Amino acid sequence: MAISFERLVSRNLVRFVSDELDLSGIKMSVNKFFKIAILGGFGILIFLSFFSLLIEGFNPGISAIVGILGAGGFEFSLYAILEYIIDKRKTFIEDLLPDYLQIASANMRSGVSLDKALISAARPDFKYFKDDVLLMAKQLYFGETMTNALLNLSNRYRSLQLKRTTRMMSEALRYGGGLADILNQISKDLRNQQIIQKEIGSQLLMYTIFIIFASVIGAPVLYALTNKMIGITDTIWSGILQQNPNGLSSITQVSSVSFLKPHPPTIQPSEYNLFSLIAIILISGISAFIVSGISNGAAIKGLKYLPIFILIGLVIFFVVSIALGGMFSNIGAA
């Protein structure tokens, strides 16, 4: 008997995922998506928990936390991928919308009705938008009103520009007006808006460069330097404790009152090295979304920069660590 995974979650979540799949254009059932999410998350939870318990020697509590974090990361990745695809479709539509409206306006000036003008304006290079326009044509053929067909078309994308455009077209149909002139004017306004957005992005270029330098270059270098300093300190203290098994005596004032007793640092180099790697991954990943939000106006587009930023940050960390290790090799050997 097949398991209905969508019944294992709330109906609100099912509706939300269904809407996300529709907006992303992914031809997948909600049940199959939840099957991937639930089985994949559970598998990662079990694998990471046993891996950290058997290989790394963590206690059961920490191992369970590692597994939960891994499963949570998997679920978040699925959601982030959906949002990225939705935003990519939105960007694609908003980039071609001025051309589409201009072609439709030219068709209407030649004496063609609105529905035929919109259908004939859908060129093959419009990809999936052309398929949605043809679907709108089928709805019109089976008796759907133009207003509802335009509304259904706009609901397939998370684009405010498309929704506002279809709403203005519906109002023009309802109250009358020169649709050809309206479509042409909307096309011009959208082009001007795109130009302004590009100008704003170019003016914010310095902020983008600063964030990239601080997160992808500066932070890994500082973590590598601090990591090496802790390693050198640990090596020096190891030598001191070999010569003084009982530890160092307290530093006293003239009145023989204990003032300070030196002791080795409590942070181990391996612990700080793990902390550095986690911090670099988090800082580089967050900076990818920040840079995308500044330059493109949509933080989710940073998903495509995420692996690049993390890879560069880790490479710089290891390169600087190796370079510093060569410079201070004599101290380490001592």
C-alpha atoms as a PDB file:
ATOM      1  CA  MET A   1       0.000   0.000   0.000  1.00  0.00           C
ATOM      2  CA  ALA A   2       1.432   3.372  -1.038  1.00  0.00           C
ATOM      3  CA  ILE A   3       1.993   5.884   1.739  1.00  0.00           C
ATOM      4  CA  SER A   4       0.294   9.266   1.389  1.00  0.00           C
ATOM      5  CA  PHE A   5       3.054  11.509   2.712  1.00  0.00           C
ATOM      6  CA  GLU A   6       1.005  14.674   2.312  1.00  0.00           C
ATOM      7  CA  ARG A   7      -1.345  13.402   5.012  1.00  0.00           C
ATOM      8  CA  LEU A   8       1.533  13.413   7.499  1.00  0.00           C
ATOM      9  CA  VAL A   9       1.633  17.217   7.526  1.00  0.00           C
ATOM     10  CA  SER A  10      -0.931  19.965   7.996  1.00  0.00           C
ATOM     11  CA  ARG A  11      -3.254  21.042   5.217  1.00  0.00           C
ATOM     12  CA  ASN A  12      -1.884  24.581   5.335  1.00  0.00           C
ATOM     13  CA  LEU A  13       1.590  23.263   4.599  1.00  0.00           C
ATOM     14  CA  VAL A  14       0.238  21.122   1.758  1.00  0.00           C
ATOM     15  CA  ARG A  15      -1.461  24.156   0.199  1.00  0.00           C
ATOM     16  CA  PHE A  16       1.695  26.236   0.636  1.00  0.00           C
ATOM     17  CA  VAL A  17       3.885  23.630  -1.061  1.00  0.00           C
ATOM     18  CA  SER A  18       1.304  23.195  -3.830  1.00  0.00           C
ATOM     19  CA  ASP A  19       1.404  26.931  -4.525  1.00  0.00           C
ATOM     20  CA  GLU A  20       5.211  26.900  -4.480  1.00  0.00           C
ATOM     21  CA  LEU A  21       5.348  24.039  -6.991  1.00  0.00           C
ATOM     22  CA  ASP A  22       2.885  25.840  -9.265  1.00  0.00           C
ATOM     23  CA  LEU A  23       4.888  29.076  -9.129  1.00  0.00           C
ATOM     24  CA  SER A  24       8.136  27.220  -9.795  1.00  0.00           C
ATOM     25  CA  GLY A  25       6.700  25.428 -12.804  1.00  0.00           C
ATOM     26  CA  ILE A  26       7.935  22.048 -11.520  1.00  0.00           C
ATOM     27  CA  LYS A  27       5.747  19.214 -12.744  1.00  0.00           C
ATOM     28  CA  MET A  28       5.739  17.245  -9.511  1.00  0.00           C
ATOM     29  CA  SER A  29       2.945  16.109  -7.254  1.00  0.00           C
ATOM     30  CA  VAL A  30       2.761  17.399  -3.702  1.00  0.00           C
ATOM     31  CA  ASN A  31       2.904  13.831  -2.368  1.00  0.00           C
ATOM     32  CA  LYS A  32       6.154  13.137  -4.234  1.00  0.00           C
ATOM     33  CA  PHE A  33       7.707  16.341  -2.906  1.00  0.00           C
ATOM     34  CA  PHE A  34       6.845  15.429   0.679  1.00  0.00           C
ATOM     35  CA  LYS A  35       8.163  11.921   0.040  1.00  0.00           C
ATOM     36  CA  ILE A  36      11.544  13.376  -0.923  1.00  0.00           C
ATOM     37  CA  ALA A  37      11.490  15.850   1.969  1.00  0.00           C
ATOM     38  CA  ILE A  38      10.470  13.376   4.703  1.00  0.00           C
ATOM     39  CA  LEU A  39      12.525  10.351   3.624  1.00  0.00           C
ATOM     40  CA  GLY A  40      15.540  12.472   2.706  1.00  0.00           C
ATOM     41  CA  GLY A  41      15.467  14.419   5.962  1.00  0.00           C
ATOM     42  CA  PHE A  42      15.030  11.266   8.037  1.00  0.00           C
ATOM     43  CA  GLY A  43      17.886   9.545   6.182  1.00  0.00           C
ATOM     44  CA  ILE A  44      20.238  12.481   6.747  1.00  0.00           C
ATOM     45  CA  LEU A  45      19.236  12.615  10.414  1.00  0.00           C
ATOM     46  CA  ILE A  46      20.114   8.930  10.949  1.00  0.00           C
ATOM     47  CA  PHE A  47      23.310   9.055   8.892  1.00  0.00           C
ATOM     48  CA  LEU A  48      24.786  12.176  10.500  1.00  0.00           C
ATOM     49  CA  SER A  49      23.825  11.081  14.009  1.00  0.00           C
ATOM     50  CA  PHE A  50      25.560   7.691  13.681  1.00  0.00           C
ATOM     51  CA  PHE A  51      28.482   9.162  11.725  1.00  0.00           C
ATOM     52  CA  SER A  52      29.242  11.794  14.380  1.00  0.00           C
ATOM     53  CA  LEU A  53      28.739   9.225  17.148  1.00  0.00           C
ATOM     54  CA  LEU A  54      30.934   6.471  15.704  1.00  0.00           C
ATOM     55  CA  ILE A  55      33.544   8.389  13.710  1.00  0.00           C
ATOM     56  CA  GLU A  56      33.964  11.664  15.571  1.00  0.00           C
ATOM     57  CA  GLY A  57      33.263  10.258  19.019  1.00  0.00           C
ATOM     58  CA  PHE A  58      30.644  12.850  20.017  1.00  0.00           C
ATOM     59  CA  ASN A  59      28.290  12.117  22.883  1.00  0.00           C
ATOM     60  CA  PRO A  60      24.709  11.076  21.997  1.00  0.00           C
ATOM     61  CA  GLY A  61      23.281  14.539  22.702  1.00  0.00           C
ATOM     62  CA  ILE A  62      25.681  16.336  20.361  1.00  0.00           C
ATOM     63  CA  SER A  63      25.268  13.605  17.735  1.00  0.00           C
ATOM     64  CA  ALA A  64      21.504  14.061  17.812  1.00  0.00           C
ATOM     65  CA  ILE A  65      21.907  17.822  17.439  1.00  0.00           C
ATOM     66  CA  VAL A  66      24.233  17.316  14.459  1.00  0.00           C
ATOM     67  CA  GLY A  67      21.675  15.024  12.830  1.00  0.00           C
ATOM     68  CA  ILE A  68      18.807  17.446  13.458  1.00  0.00           C
ATOM     69  CA  LEU A  69      20.821  20.352  12.049  1.00  0.00           C
ATOM     70  CA  GLY A  70      21.689  18.290   8.965  1.00  0.00           C
ATOM     71  CA  ALA A  71      18.057  17.325   8.399  1.00  0.00           C
ATOM     72  CA  GLY A  72      16.964  20.918   8.928  1.00  0.00           C
ATOM     73  CA  GLY A  73      19.578  22.054   6.425  1.00  0.00           C
ATOM     74  CA  PHE A  74      18.234  19.566   3.882  1.00  0.00           C
ATOM     75  CA  GLU A  75      14.656  20.802   4.301  1.00  0.00           C
ATOM     76  CA  PHE A  76      15.796  24.419   4.055  1.00  0.00           C
ATOM     77  CA  SER A  77      17.746  23.571   0.897  1.00  0.00           C
ATOM     78  CA  LEU A  78      14.601  22.185  -0.747  1.00  0.00           C
ATOM     79  CA  TYR A  79      12.700  25.346   0.139  1.00  0.00           C
ATOM     80  CA  ALA A  80      15.564  27.579  -1.017  1.00  0.00           C
ATOM     81  CA  ILE A  81      15.751  25.768  -4.364  1.00  0.00           C
ATOM     82  CA  LEU A  82      12.021  26.286  -4.897  1.00  0.00           C
ATOM     83  CA  GLU A  83      12.306  29.973  -4.043  1.00  0.00           C
ATOM     84  CA  TYR A  84      15.307  30.356  -6.345  1.00  0.00           C
ATOM     85  CA  ILE A  85      13.448  28.784  -9.275  1.00  0.00           C
ATOM     86  CA  ILE A  86      10.397  30.958  -8.583  1.00  0.00           C
ATOM     87  CA  ASP A  87      12.504  34.103  -8.515  1.00  0.00           C
ATOM     88  CA  LYS A  88      14.357  33.030 -11.659  1.00  0.00           C
ATOM     89  CA  ARG A  89      11.046  32.626 -13.494  1.00  0.00           C
ATOM     90  CA  LYS A  90       9.928  36.012 -12.189  1.00  0.00           C
ATOM     91  CA  THR A  91      13.113  37.702 -13.417  1.00  0.00           C
ATOM     92  CA  PHE A  92      12.806  36.024 -16.812  1.00  0.00           C
ATOM     93  CA  ILE A  93       9.217  37.206 -17.223  1.00  0.00           C
ATOM     94  CA  GLU A  94       9.931  40.760 -16.121  1.00  0.00           C
ATOM     95  CA  ASP A  95      12.882  41.003 -18.524  1.00  0.00           C
ATOM     96  CA  LEU A  96      10.820  39.943 -21.551  1.00  0.00           C
ATOM     97  CA  LEU A  97       7.576  41.683 -20.553  1.00  0.00           C
ATOM     98  CA  PRO A  98       8.401  45.057 -22.225  1.00  0.00           C
ATOM     99  CA  ASP A  99       9.168  43.310 -25.537  1.00  0.00           C
ATOM    100  CA  TYR A 100       6.053  41.168 -25.270  1.00  0.00           C
ATOM    101  CA  LEU A 101       3.795  44.151 -24.612  1.00  0.00           C
ATOM    102  CA  GLN A 102       5.371  46.152 -27.414  1.00  0.00           C
ATOM    103  CA  ILE A 103       4.759  43.327 -29.903  1.00  0.00           C
ATOM    104  CA  ALA A 104       1.184  42.925 -28.662  1.00  0.00           C
ATOM    105  CA  SER A 105       0.644  46.676 -29.019  1.00  0.00           C
ATOM    106  CA  ALA A 106       1.913  46.578 -32.608  1.00  0.00           C
ATOM    107  CA  ASN A 107      -0.410  43.665 -33.350  1.00  0.00           C
ATOM    108  CA  MET A 108      -3.410  45.581 -32.012  1.00  0.00           C
ATOM    109  CA  ARG A 109      -2.550  48.611 -34.127  1.00  0.00           C
ATOM    110  CA  SER A 110      -2.762  46.369 -37.173  1.00  0.00           C
ATOM    111  CA  GLY A 111      -6.403  45.659 -36.328  1.00  0.00           C
ATOM    112  CA  VAL A 112      -6.094  42.411 -34.337  1.00  0.00           C
ATOM    113  CA  SER A 113      -8.180  41.820 -31.189  1.00  0.00           C
ATOM    114  CA  LEU A 114      -6.539  41.704 -27.769  1.00  0.00           C
ATOM    115  CA  ASP A 115      -6.625  37.936 -27.333  1.00  0.00           C
ATOM    116  CA  LYS A 116      -5.147  37.267 -30.764  1.00  0.00           C
ATOM    117  CA  ALA A 117      -2.578  40.024 -30.262  1.00  0.00           C
ATOM    118  CA  LEU A 118      -1.396  38.501 -26.993  1.00  0.00           C
ATOM    119  CA  ILE A 119      -1.258  34.978 -28.437  1.00  0.00           C
ATOM    120  CA  SER A 120       0.617  35.939 -31.601  1.00  0.00           C
ATOM    121  CA  ALA A 121       3.083  38.060 -29.586  1.00  0.00           C
ATOM    122  CA  ALA A 122       4.345  34.986 -27.717  1.00  0.00           C
ATOM    123  CA  ARG A 123       7.554  34.176 -29.567  1.00  0.00           C
ATOM    124  CA  PRO A 124       9.383  30.816 -29.300  1.00  0.00           C
ATOM    125  CA  ASP A 125      12.297  32.423 -27.396  1.00  0.00           C
ATOM    126  CA  PHE A 126       9.871  33.279 -24.576  1.00  0.00           C
ATOM    127  CA  LYS A 127      10.133  29.594 -23.551  1.00  0.00           C
ATOM    128  CA  TYR A 128       7.658  28.585 -20.841  1.00  0.00           C
ATOM    129  CA  PHE A 129       5.891  31.944 -20.950  1.00  0.00           C
ATOM    130  CA  LYS A 130       4.763  31.082 -24.479  1.00  0.00           C
ATOM    131  CA  ASP A 131       3.325  27.804 -23.166  1.00  0.00           C
ATOM    132  CA  ASP A 132       1.375  29.701 -20.502  1.00  0.00           C
ATOM    133  CA  VAL A 133       0.042  32.134 -23.111  1.00  0.00           C
ATOM    134  CA  LEU A 134      -1.084  29.193 -25.246  1.00  0.00           C
ATOM    135  CA  LEU A 135      -2.762  27.720 -22.167  1.00  0.00           C
ATOM    136  CA  MET A 136      -4.556  31.042 -21.741  1.00  0.00           C
ATOM    137  CA  ALA A 137      -5.680  30.743 -25.365  1.00  0.00           C
ATOM    138  CA  LYS A 138      -7.173  27.311 -24.632  1.00  0.00           C
ATOM    139  CA  GLN A 139      -9.059  28.739 -21.662  1.00  0.00           C
ATOM    140  CA  LEU A 140     -10.479  31.482 -23.870  1.00  0.00           C
ATOM    141  CA  TYR A 141     -11.463  28.895 -26.463  1.00  0.00           C
ATOM    142  CA  PHE A 142     -13.437  26.924 -23.849  1.00  0.00           C
ATOM    143  CA  GLY A 143     -15.396  29.994 -22.782  1.00  0.00           C
ATOM    144  CA  GLU A 144     -13.263  31.643 -20.080  1.00  0.00           C
ATOM    145  CA  THR A 145     -13.538  35.417 -19.878  1.00  0.00           C
ATOM    146  CA  MET A 146     -10.524  37.520 -20.841  1.00  0.00           C
ATOM    147  CA  THR A 147     -10.311  39.003 -17.354  1.00  0.00           C
ATOM    148  CA  ASN A 148     -10.151  35.588 -15.666  1.00  0.00           C
ATOM    149  CA  ALA A 149      -7.699  34.273 -18.265  1.00  0.00           C
ATOM    150  CA  LEU A 150      -5.357  37.205 -17.623  1.00  0.00           C
ATOM    151  CA  LEU A 151      -5.704  36.666 -13.870  1.00  0.00           C
ATOM    152  CA  ASN A 152      -4.816  32.982 -14.229  1.00  0.00           C
ATOM    153  CA  LEU A 153      -1.789  33.918 -16.325  1.00  0.00           C
ATOM    154  CA  SER A 154      -0.503  36.374 -13.717  1.00  0.00           C
ATOM    155  CA  ASN A 155      -1.030  33.852 -10.891  1.00  0.00           C
ATOM    156  CA  ARG A 156       1.510  31.485 -12.469  1.00  0.00           C
ATOM    157  CA  TYR A 157       4.333  33.884 -11.580  1.00  0.00           C
ATOM    158  CA  ARG A 158       5.312  35.790  -8.475  1.00  0.00           C
ATOM    159  CA  SER A 159       5.695  39.010 -10.415  1.00  0.00           C
ATOM    160  CA  LEU A 160       4.113  42.273  -9.319  1.00  0.00           C
ATOM    161  CA  GLN A 161       4.845  43.790 -12.714  1.00  0.00           C
ATOM    162  CA  LEU A 162       2.895  41.071 -14.503  1.00  0.00           C
ATOM    163  CA  LYS A 163       0.000  41.288 -12.031  1.00  0.00           C
ATOM    164  CA  ARG A 164      -0.226  45.068 -12.371  1.00  0.00           C
ATOM    165  CA  THR A 165      -0.022  44.818 -16.155  1.00  0.00           C
ATOM    166  CA  THR A 166      -2.835  42.274 -16.396  1.00  0.00           C
ATOM    167  CA  ARG A 167      -4.933  44.285 -13.937  1.00  0.00           C
ATOM    168  CA  MET A 168      -4.555  47.432 -16.063  1.00  0.00           C
ATOM    169  CA  MET A 169      -5.489  45.450 -19.176  1.00  0.00           C
ATOM    170  CA  SER A 170      -8.581  44.085 -17.424  1.00  0.00           C
ATOM    171  CA  GLU A 171      -9.613  47.575 -16.296  1.00  0.00           C
ATOM    172  CA  ALA A 172      -9.099  48.919 -19.814  1.00  0.00           C
ATOM    173  CA  LEU A 173     -11.351  46.168 -21.144  1.00  0.00           C
ATOM    174  CA  ARG A 174     -13.987  46.923 -18.543  1.00  0.00           C
ATOM    175  CA  TYR A 175     -14.072  50.710 -18.782  1.00  0.00           C
ATOM    176  CA  GLY A 176     -12.868  51.156 -22.341  1.00  0.00           C
ATOM    177  CA  GLY A 177      -9.701  52.771 -23.630  1.00  0.00           C
ATOM    178  CA  GLY A 178      -7.010  52.540 -26.246  1.00  0.00           C
ATOM    179  CA  LEU A 179      -5.469  49.188 -25.356  1.00  0.00           C
ATOM    180  CA  ALA A 180      -2.721  49.504 -27.956  1.00  0.00           C
ATOM    181  CA  ASP A 181      -1.560  52.822 -26.478  1.00  0.00           C
ATOM    182  CA  ILE A 182      -1.866  51.466 -22.943  1.00  0.00           C
ATOM    183  CA  LEU A 183       0.272  48.414 -23.725  1.00  0.00           C
ATOM    184  CA  ASN A 184       2.868  50.582 -25.438  1.00  0.00           C
ATOM    185  CA  GLN A 185       3.022  52.983 -22.486  1.00  0.00           C
ATOM    186  CA  ILE A 186       3.323  50.132 -19.988  1.00  0.00           C
ATOM    187  CA  SER A 187       6.190  48.721 -22.050  1.00  0.00           C
ATOM    188  CA  LYS A 188       8.023  52.062 -21.934  1.00  0.00           C
ATOM    189  CA  ASP A 189       7.486  52.423 -18.182  1.00  0.00           C
ATOM    190  CA  LEU A 190       8.833  48.923 -17.539  1.00  0.00           C
ATOM    191  CA  ARG A 191      11.937  49.654 -19.622  1.00  0.00           C
ATOM    192  CA  ASN A 192      12.568  52.865 -17.690  1.00  0.00           C
ATOM    193  CA  GLN A 193      12.162  50.983 -14.434  1.00  0.00           C
ATOM    194  CA  GLN A 194      14.724  48.380 -15.527  1.00  0.00           C
ATOM    195  CA  ILE A 195      17.180  51.135 -16.452  1.00  0.00           C
ATOM    196  CA  ILE A 196      16.755  52.771 -13.047  1.00  0.00           C
ATOM    197  CA  GLN A 197      17.311  49.438 -11.284  1.00  0.00           C
ATOM    198  CA  LYS A 198      20.565  48.898 -13.196  1.00  0.00           C
ATOM    199  CA  GLU A 199      21.757  52.400 -12.304  1.00  0.00           C
ATOM    200  CA  ILE A 200      21.005  51.805  -8.624  1.00  0.00           C
ATOM    201  CA  GLY A 201      22.885  48.493  -8.768  1.00  0.00           C
ATOM    202  CA  SER A 202      25.946  50.173 -10.283  1.00  0.00           C
ATOM    203  CA  GLN A 203      25.913  52.892  -7.608  1.00  0.00           C
ATOM    204  CA  LEU A 204      25.909  50.224  -4.894  1.00  0.00           C
ATOM    205  CA  LEU A 205      28.909  48.461  -6.428  1.00  0.00           C
ATOM    206  CA  MET A 206      31.335  49.753  -3.763  1.00  0.00           C
ATOM    207  CA  TYR A 207      29.205  48.304  -0.962  1.00  0.00           C
ATOM    208  CA  THR A 208      29.159  44.982  -2.782  1.00  0.00           C
ATOM    209  CA  ILE A 209      32.946  44.957  -3.202  1.00  0.00           C
ATOM    210  CA  PHE A 210      33.470  45.802   0.474  1.00  0.00           C
ATOM    211  CA  ILE A 211      31.166  43.015   1.671  1.00  0.00           C
ATOM    212  CA  ILE A 212      32.809  40.465  -0.644  1.00  0.00           C
ATOM    213  CA  PHE A 213      36.297  41.464   0.504  1.00  0.00           C
ATOM    214  CA  ALA A 214      35.394  41.439   4.201  1.00  0.00           C
ATOM    215  CA  SER A 215      33.580  38.104   4.153  1.00  0.00           C
ATOM    216  CA  VAL A 216      35.339  36.066   1.474  1.00  0.00           C
ATOM    217  CA  ILE A 217      38.915  37.335   1.941  1.00  0.00           C
ATOM    218  CA  GLY A 218      39.282  39.245   5.215  1.00  0.00           C
ATOM    219  CA  ALA A 219      37.459  36.829   7.525  1.00  0.00           C
ATOM    220  CA  PRO A 220      39.272  33.653   6.311  1.00  0.00           C
ATOM    221  CA  VAL A 221      42.652  35.394   6.631  1.00  0.00           C
ATOM    222  CA  LEU A 222      41.924  36.527  10.188  1.00  0.00           C
ATOM    223  CA  TYR A 223      40.611  33.100  11.198  1.00  0.00           C
ATOM    224  CA  ALA A 224      43.697  31.427   9.715  1.00  0.00           C
ATOM    225  CA  LEU A 225      45.987  33.851  11.569  1.00  0.00           C
ATOM    226  CA  THR A 226      44.149  33.354  14.864  1.00  0.00           C
ATOM    227  CA  ASN A 227      44.136  29.598  14.367  1.00  0.00           C
ATOM    228  CA  LYS A 228      47.903  29.589  13.857  1.00  0.00           C
ATOM    229  CA  MET A 229      48.454  31.802  16.926  1.00  0.00           C
ATOM    230  CA  ILE A 230      46.461  29.380  19.057  1.00  0.00           C
ATOM    231  CA  GLY A 231      48.486  26.488  17.643  1.00  0.00           C
ATOM    232  CA  ILE A 232      51.769  28.242  18.430  1.00  0.00           C
ATOM    233  CA  THR A 233      50.574  29.105  21.937  1.00  0.00           C
ATOM    234  CA  ASP A 234      49.536  25.492  22.495  1.00  0.00           C
ATOM    235  CA  THR A 235      52.954  24.274  21.276  1.00  0.00           C
ATOM    236  CA  ILE A 236      54.791  26.695  23.570  1.00  0.00           C
ATOM    237  CA  TRP A 237      52.716  25.660  26.566  1.00  0.00           C
ATOM    238  CA  SER A 238      53.312  21.999  25.790  1.00  0.00           C
ATOM    239  CA  GLY A 239      57.056  22.635  26.032  1.00  0.00           C
ATOM    240  CA  ILE A 240      56.649  24.617  29.239  1.00  0.00           C
ATOM    241  CA  LEU A 241      54.595  21.908  30.884  1.00  0.00           C
ATOM    242  CA  GLN A 242      57.134  19.259  29.883  1.00  0.00           C
ATOM    243  CA  GLN A 243      59.794  21.214  31.755  1.00  0.00           C
ATOM    244  CA  ASN A 244      57.441  22.118  34.615  1.00  0.00           C
ATOM    245  CA  PRO A 245      55.052  19.206  35.194  1.00  0.00           C
ATOM    246  CA  ASN A 246      53.519  20.928  38.215  1.00  0.00           C
ATOM    247  CA  GLY A 247      52.815  24.105  36.298  1.00  0.00           C
ATOM    248  CA  LEU A 248      54.177  27.612  36.813  1.00  0.00           C
ATOM    249  CA  SER A 249      54.161  29.294  40.166  1.00  0.00           C
ATOM    250  CA  SER A 250      52.021  32.336  40.827  1.00  0.00           C
ATOM    251  CA  ILE A 251      53.320  35.783  40.001  1.00  0.00           C
ATOM    252  CA  THR A 252      53.355  37.633  43.327  1.00  0.00           C
ATOM    253  CA  GLN A 253      53.493  41.237  44.388  1.00  0.00           C
ATOM    254  CA  VAL A 254      55.916  42.633  46.979  1.00  0.00           C
ATOM    255  CA  SER A 255      53.485  41.769  49.767  1.00  0.00           C
ATOM    256  CA  SER A 256      53.598  38.093  48.692  1.00  0.00           C
ATOM    257  CA  VAL A 257      49.917  38.212  47.733  1.00  0.00           C
ATOM    258  CA  SER A 258      49.078  35.970  44.796  1.00  0.00           C
ATOM    259  CA  PHE A 259      48.482  38.191  41.792  1.00  0.00           C
ATOM    260  CA  LEU A 260      48.465  35.949  38.707  1.00  0.00           C
ATOM    261  CA  LYS A 261      49.040  32.295  37.963  1.00  0.00           C
ATOM    262  CA  PRO A 262      49.720  31.567  34.279  1.00  0.00           C
ATOM    263  CA  HIS A 263      47.975  28.528  32.885  1.00  0.00           C
ATOM    264  CA  PRO A 264      47.599  27.041  29.391  1.00  0.00           C
ATOM    265  CA  PRO A 265      44.670  28.194  27.216  1.00  0.00           C
ATOM    266  CA  THR A 266      41.485  26.180  27.474  1.00  0.00           C
ATOM    267  CA  ILE A 267      40.776  26.381  23.732  1.00  0.00           C
ATOM    268  CA  GLN A 268      42.318  23.533  21.772  1.00  0.00           C
ATOM    269  CA  PRO A 269      43.628  24.168  18.226  1.00  0.00           C
ATOM    270  CA  SER A 270      41.396  21.413  16.785  1.00  0.00           C
ATOM    271  CA  GLU A 271      38.311  22.973  18.389  1.00  0.00           C
ATOM    272  CA  TYR A 272      39.105  26.431  17.055  1.00  0.00           C
ATOM    273  CA  ASN A 273      39.908  24.995  13.624  1.00  0.00           C
ATOM    274  CA  LEU A 274      36.422  23.421  13.480  1.00  0.00           C
ATOM    275  CA  PHE A 275      34.892  26.680  14.704  1.00  0.00           C
ATOM    276  CA  SER A 276      36.782  28.596  11.995  1.00  0.00           C
ATOM    277  CA  LEU A 277      35.512  26.338   9.229  1.00  0.00           C
ATOM    278  CA  ILE A 278      31.899  26.641  10.421  1.00  0.00           C
ATOM    279  CA  ALA A 279      32.208  30.419  10.815  1.00  0.00           C
ATOM    280  CA  ILE A 280      33.706  30.857   7.328  1.00  0.00           C
ATOM    281  CA  ILE A 281      30.927  28.789   5.761  1.00  0.00           C
ATOM    282  CA  LEU A 282      28.259  30.820   7.579  1.00  0.00           C
ATOM    283  CA  ILE A 283      29.836  34.220   6.890  1.00  0.00           C
ATOM    284  CA  SER A 284      30.502  33.469   3.227  1.00  0.00           C
ATOM    285  CA  GLY A 285      27.026  32.009   2.754  1.00  0.00           C
ATOM    286  CA  ILE A 286      25.249  34.937   4.394  1.00  0.00           C
ATOM    287  CA  SER A 287      27.347  37.436   2.428  1.00  0.00           C
ATOM    288  CA  ALA A 288      26.238  35.764  -0.820  1.00  0.00           C
ATOM    289  CA  PHE A 289      22.607  36.528   0.024  1.00  0.00           C
ATOM    290  CA  ILE A 290      23.458  40.063   1.191  1.00  0.00           C
ATOM    291  CA  VAL A 291      25.370  40.830  -2.002  1.00  0.00           C
ATOM    292  CA  SER A 292      22.519  39.476  -4.094  1.00  0.00           C
ATOM    293  CA  GLY A 293      19.998  41.551  -2.159  1.00  0.00           C
ATOM    294  CA  ILE A 294      22.032  44.726  -2.711  1.00  0.00           C
ATOM    295  CA  SER A 295      22.877  44.194  -6.378  1.00  0.00           C
ATOM    296  CA  ASN A 296      19.755  42.401  -7.646  1.00  0.00           C
ATOM    297  CA  GLY A 297      17.083  43.331  -5.118  1.00  0.00           C
ATOM    298  CA  ALA A 298      16.366  39.660  -4.344  1.00  0.00           C
ATOM    299  CA  ALA A 299      18.359  37.873  -1.649  1.00  0.00           C
ATOM    300  CA  ILE A 300      17.332  34.403  -2.854  1.00  0.00           C
ATOM    301  CA  LYS A 301      19.361  34.936  -6.041  1.00  0.00           C
ATOM    302  CA  GLY A 302      22.426  34.636  -3.835  1.00  0.00           C
ATOM    303  CA  LEU A 303      21.874  30.888  -3.935  1.00  0.00           C
ATOM    304  CA  LYS A 304      23.847  30.743  -7.183  1.00  0.00           C
ATOM    305  CA  TYR A 305      26.751  32.621  -5.540  1.00  0.00           C
ATOM    306  CA  LEU A 306      26.640  30.486  -2.384  1.00  0.00           C
ATOM    307  CA  PRO A 307      28.981  27.608  -3.430  1.00  0.00           C
ATOM    308  CA  ILE A 308      31.425  30.037  -5.074  1.00  0.00           C
ATOM    309  CA  PHE A 309      31.706  32.268  -2.000  1.00  0.00           C
ATOM    310  CA  ILE A 310      32.096  29.307   0.367  1.00  0.00           C
ATOM    311  CA  LEU A 311      34.687  27.635  -1.865  1.00  0.00           C
ATOM    312  CA  ILE A 312      36.776  30.796  -2.195  1.00  0.00           C
ATOM    313  CA  GLY A 313      36.605  31.451   1.555  1.00  0.00           C
ATOM    314  CA  LEU A 314      37.729  27.920   2.438  1.00  0.00           C
ATOM    315  CA  VAL A 315      40.499  27.948  -0.174  1.00  0.00           C
ATOM    316  CA  ILE A 316      41.868  31.252   1.186  1.00  0.00           C
ATOM    317  CA  PHE A 317      41.683  29.899   4.740  1.00  0.00           C
ATOM    318  CA  PHE A 318      43.668  26.758   3.891  1.00  0.00           C
ATOM    319  CA  VAL A 319      46.188  28.620   1.704  1.00  0.00           C
ATOM    320  CA  VAL A 320      46.890  31.207   4.419  1.00  0.00           C
ATOM    321  CA  SER A 321      47.059  28.458   7.047  1.00  0.00           C
ATOM    322  CA  ILE A 322      49.647  26.550   4.978  1.00  0.00           C
ATOM    323  CA  ALA A 323      51.646  29.732   4.344  1.00  0.00           C
ATOM    324  CA  LEU A 324      51.674  30.650   8.029  1.00  0.00           C
ATOM    325  CA  GLY A 325      52.562  27.075   8.918  1.00  0.00           C
ATOM    326  CA  GLY A 326      55.640  27.326   6.708  1.00  0.00           C
ATOM    327  CA  MET A 327      56.653  30.689   8.215  1.00  0.00           C
ATOM    328  CA  PHE A 328      56.367  29.448  11.808  1.00  0.00           C
ATOM    329  CA  SER A 329      57.523  25.878  11.196  1.00  0.00           C
ATOM    330  CA  ASN A 330      60.537  26.336  13.462  1.00  0.00           C
ATOM    331  CA  ILE A 331      58.324  27.308  16.384  1.00  0.00           C
ATOM    332  CA  GLY A 332      56.071  24.353  15.744  1.00  0.00           C
ATOM    333  CA  ALA A 333      59.039  21.986  15.615  1.00  0.00           C
ATOM    334  CA  ALA A 334      60.418  23.371  18.817  1.00  0.00           C
END
